N, C-alpha and C. Protein backbone atom coordinates (compact mmCIF):
# COMPACT_ATOMS: atom_id res chain seq x y z
N MET A 1 -38.07 -109.44 -47.69
CA MET A 1 -37.02 -108.49 -47.96
C MET A 1 -36.60 -107.86 -46.62
N THR A 2 -35.31 -107.81 -46.38
CA THR A 2 -34.78 -107.21 -45.17
C THR A 2 -34.42 -105.76 -45.45
N ARG A 3 -34.90 -104.88 -44.62
CA ARG A 3 -34.58 -103.46 -44.78
C ARG A 3 -33.24 -103.19 -44.13
N GLN A 4 -32.35 -102.53 -44.86
CA GLN A 4 -31.04 -102.20 -44.34
C GLN A 4 -30.90 -100.68 -44.25
N CYS A 5 -30.29 -100.25 -43.19
CA CYS A 5 -30.02 -98.82 -43.00
C CYS A 5 -28.54 -98.56 -43.15
N HIS A 6 -28.21 -97.36 -43.54
CA HIS A 6 -26.82 -96.94 -43.59
C HIS A 6 -26.26 -97.01 -42.17
N PRO A 7 -25.00 -97.44 -42.00
CA PRO A 7 -24.41 -97.55 -40.66
C PRO A 7 -24.46 -96.26 -39.85
N ASN A 8 -24.49 -95.12 -40.51
CA ASN A 8 -24.51 -93.84 -39.80
C ASN A 8 -25.92 -93.32 -39.54
N ALA A 9 -26.93 -94.10 -39.90
CA ALA A 9 -28.31 -93.63 -39.77
C ALA A 9 -28.69 -93.24 -38.35
N THR A 10 -28.08 -93.85 -37.37
CA THR A 10 -28.40 -93.50 -35.98
C THR A 10 -27.55 -92.34 -35.45
N ARG A 11 -26.58 -91.89 -36.24
CA ARG A 11 -25.68 -90.83 -35.78
C ARG A 11 -26.23 -89.42 -36.03
N ILE A 12 -27.18 -89.29 -36.94
CA ILE A 12 -27.74 -87.98 -37.24
C ILE A 12 -29.26 -88.04 -37.16
N GLU A 13 -29.88 -86.89 -36.97
CA GLU A 13 -31.32 -86.76 -37.06
C GLU A 13 -31.60 -86.01 -38.36
N PRO A 14 -32.36 -86.60 -39.30
CA PRO A 14 -32.59 -85.95 -40.58
C PRO A 14 -33.25 -84.58 -40.42
N TYR A 15 -32.84 -83.65 -41.26
CA TYR A 15 -33.52 -82.37 -41.31
C TYR A 15 -34.94 -82.59 -41.83
N GLN A 16 -35.86 -81.87 -41.33
CA GLN A 16 -37.24 -81.93 -41.78
C GLN A 16 -37.57 -80.66 -42.56
N GLN A 17 -38.62 -80.73 -43.36
CA GLN A 17 -39.04 -79.55 -44.12
C GLN A 17 -39.23 -78.38 -43.18
N GLY A 18 -38.70 -77.24 -43.57
CA GLY A 18 -38.81 -76.04 -42.77
C GLY A 18 -37.60 -75.77 -41.90
N ARG A 19 -36.77 -76.76 -41.66
CA ARG A 19 -35.60 -76.56 -40.79
C ARG A 19 -34.55 -75.70 -41.49
N LEU A 20 -34.31 -75.95 -42.77
CA LEU A 20 -33.36 -75.14 -43.53
C LEU A 20 -34.09 -74.07 -44.33
N ASP A 21 -35.24 -74.38 -44.81
CA ASP A 21 -36.06 -73.48 -45.61
C ASP A 21 -37.38 -74.19 -45.86
N SER A 22 -38.10 -73.80 -46.88
CA SER A 22 -39.41 -74.42 -47.12
C SER A 22 -39.46 -75.31 -48.36
N LEU A 23 -38.36 -75.56 -49.01
CA LEU A 23 -38.35 -76.39 -50.20
C LEU A 23 -37.83 -77.78 -49.85
N CYS A 24 -38.74 -78.75 -49.75
CA CYS A 24 -38.36 -80.08 -49.25
C CYS A 24 -37.57 -80.92 -50.27
N GLY A 25 -37.61 -80.56 -51.55
CA GLY A 25 -36.95 -81.35 -52.57
C GLY A 25 -35.43 -81.44 -52.42
N LEU A 26 -34.83 -80.53 -51.68
CA LEU A 26 -33.38 -80.55 -51.51
C LEU A 26 -32.95 -81.26 -50.23
N TYR A 27 -33.88 -81.61 -49.38
CA TYR A 27 -33.52 -82.22 -48.11
C TYR A 27 -32.93 -83.63 -48.28
N ALA A 28 -33.46 -84.41 -49.21
CA ALA A 28 -32.99 -85.80 -49.37
C ALA A 28 -31.50 -85.86 -49.72
N PRO A 29 -31.01 -85.13 -50.72
CA PRO A 29 -29.57 -85.21 -51.01
C PRO A 29 -28.71 -84.65 -49.89
N ILE A 30 -29.21 -83.62 -49.19
CA ILE A 30 -28.43 -83.07 -48.07
C ILE A 30 -28.34 -84.10 -46.95
N ASN A 31 -29.47 -84.73 -46.63
CA ASN A 31 -29.44 -85.77 -45.60
C ASN A 31 -28.58 -86.96 -46.04
N GLY A 32 -28.61 -87.29 -47.33
CA GLY A 32 -27.75 -88.36 -47.83
C GLY A 32 -26.27 -88.04 -47.65
N ALA A 33 -25.90 -86.82 -47.96
CA ALA A 33 -24.50 -86.40 -47.77
C ALA A 33 -24.13 -86.43 -46.29
N ARG A 34 -25.05 -86.03 -45.43
CA ARG A 34 -24.78 -86.06 -43.99
C ARG A 34 -24.54 -87.49 -43.51
N LEU A 35 -25.32 -88.44 -44.05
CA LEU A 35 -25.12 -89.84 -43.69
C LEU A 35 -23.76 -90.35 -44.14
N ILE A 36 -23.42 -90.05 -45.39
CA ILE A 36 -22.17 -90.53 -45.96
C ILE A 36 -20.96 -90.01 -45.19
N TYR A 37 -21.00 -88.74 -44.80
CA TYR A 37 -19.84 -88.11 -44.18
C TYR A 37 -19.91 -88.02 -42.66
N ALA A 38 -20.89 -88.66 -42.03
CA ALA A 38 -21.08 -88.54 -40.58
C ALA A 38 -19.85 -88.98 -39.79
N ASP A 39 -19.14 -90.02 -40.23
CA ASP A 39 -17.97 -90.50 -39.50
C ASP A 39 -16.69 -89.75 -39.84
N THR A 40 -16.53 -89.40 -41.11
CA THR A 40 -15.24 -88.86 -41.55
C THR A 40 -15.17 -87.34 -41.57
N ALA A 41 -16.25 -86.69 -41.96
CA ALA A 41 -16.26 -85.23 -42.08
C ALA A 41 -17.69 -84.72 -41.92
N PRO A 42 -18.23 -84.75 -40.70
CA PRO A 42 -19.62 -84.35 -40.49
C PRO A 42 -19.90 -82.95 -41.04
N LEU A 43 -21.03 -82.82 -41.71
CA LEU A 43 -21.42 -81.53 -42.26
C LEU A 43 -22.06 -80.67 -41.17
N THR A 44 -21.64 -79.43 -41.09
CA THR A 44 -22.20 -78.50 -40.11
C THR A 44 -23.53 -77.96 -40.62
N GLY A 45 -24.27 -77.37 -39.73
CA GLY A 45 -25.51 -76.72 -40.14
C GLY A 45 -25.26 -75.64 -41.17
N GLN A 46 -24.18 -74.90 -40.99
CA GLN A 46 -23.83 -73.84 -41.94
C GLN A 46 -23.51 -74.42 -43.32
N SER A 47 -22.77 -75.52 -43.38
CA SER A 47 -22.45 -76.11 -44.68
C SER A 47 -23.72 -76.67 -45.33
N CYS A 48 -24.64 -77.19 -44.54
CA CYS A 48 -25.90 -77.68 -45.09
C CYS A 48 -26.73 -76.53 -45.66
N LYS A 49 -26.70 -75.39 -44.99
CA LYS A 49 -27.41 -74.22 -45.51
C LYS A 49 -26.79 -73.74 -46.81
N ARG A 50 -25.45 -73.83 -46.91
CA ARG A 50 -24.79 -73.45 -48.17
C ARG A 50 -25.17 -74.41 -49.29
N LEU A 51 -25.20 -75.71 -49.00
CA LEU A 51 -25.62 -76.69 -50.00
C LEU A 51 -27.05 -76.41 -50.46
N PHE A 52 -27.91 -76.10 -49.50
CA PHE A 52 -29.30 -75.79 -49.83
C PHE A 52 -29.36 -74.56 -50.74
N ALA A 53 -28.60 -73.53 -50.40
CA ALA A 53 -28.58 -72.31 -51.21
C ALA A 53 -28.08 -72.59 -52.62
N GLU A 54 -27.03 -73.40 -52.73
CA GLU A 54 -26.51 -73.77 -54.05
C GLU A 54 -27.57 -74.53 -54.85
N GLY A 55 -28.27 -75.43 -54.17
CA GLY A 55 -29.35 -76.18 -54.83
C GLY A 55 -30.45 -75.25 -55.31
N MET A 56 -30.80 -74.28 -54.48
CA MET A 56 -31.82 -73.30 -54.87
C MET A 56 -31.38 -72.49 -56.09
N ASP A 57 -30.11 -72.08 -56.07
CA ASP A 57 -29.57 -71.34 -57.22
C ASP A 57 -29.64 -72.18 -58.48
N PHE A 58 -29.25 -73.45 -58.36
CA PHE A 58 -29.29 -74.36 -59.51
C PHE A 58 -30.72 -74.50 -60.03
N LEU A 59 -31.66 -74.72 -59.13
CA LEU A 59 -33.05 -74.89 -59.54
C LEU A 59 -33.62 -73.61 -60.16
N THR A 60 -33.22 -72.47 -59.65
CA THR A 60 -33.70 -71.20 -60.18
C THR A 60 -33.21 -70.99 -61.61
N VAL A 61 -31.94 -71.29 -61.84
CA VAL A 61 -31.35 -71.10 -63.17
C VAL A 61 -31.87 -72.15 -64.16
N ASN A 62 -32.11 -73.36 -63.69
CA ASN A 62 -32.46 -74.46 -64.57
C ASN A 62 -33.95 -74.82 -64.58
N SER A 63 -34.79 -74.00 -64.00
CA SER A 63 -36.22 -74.32 -64.02
C SER A 63 -36.83 -73.86 -65.34
N PRO A 64 -37.86 -74.58 -65.78
CA PRO A 64 -38.48 -74.25 -67.09
C PRO A 64 -39.15 -72.91 -67.11
């Protein structure tokens, strides 16, 4: 099996746990969005923090 990377994988450095906050479960979709939009509309650190905050709000409201 050949491993394939997204074409933009070398354009960004993924956020690591603790960089935006301490909840790592939201980092994967944020990093995915950063990869997708790296060429056309790169996400700023501020927009990533807003996405993280929205994710936290969603998890808070929808947690058991």
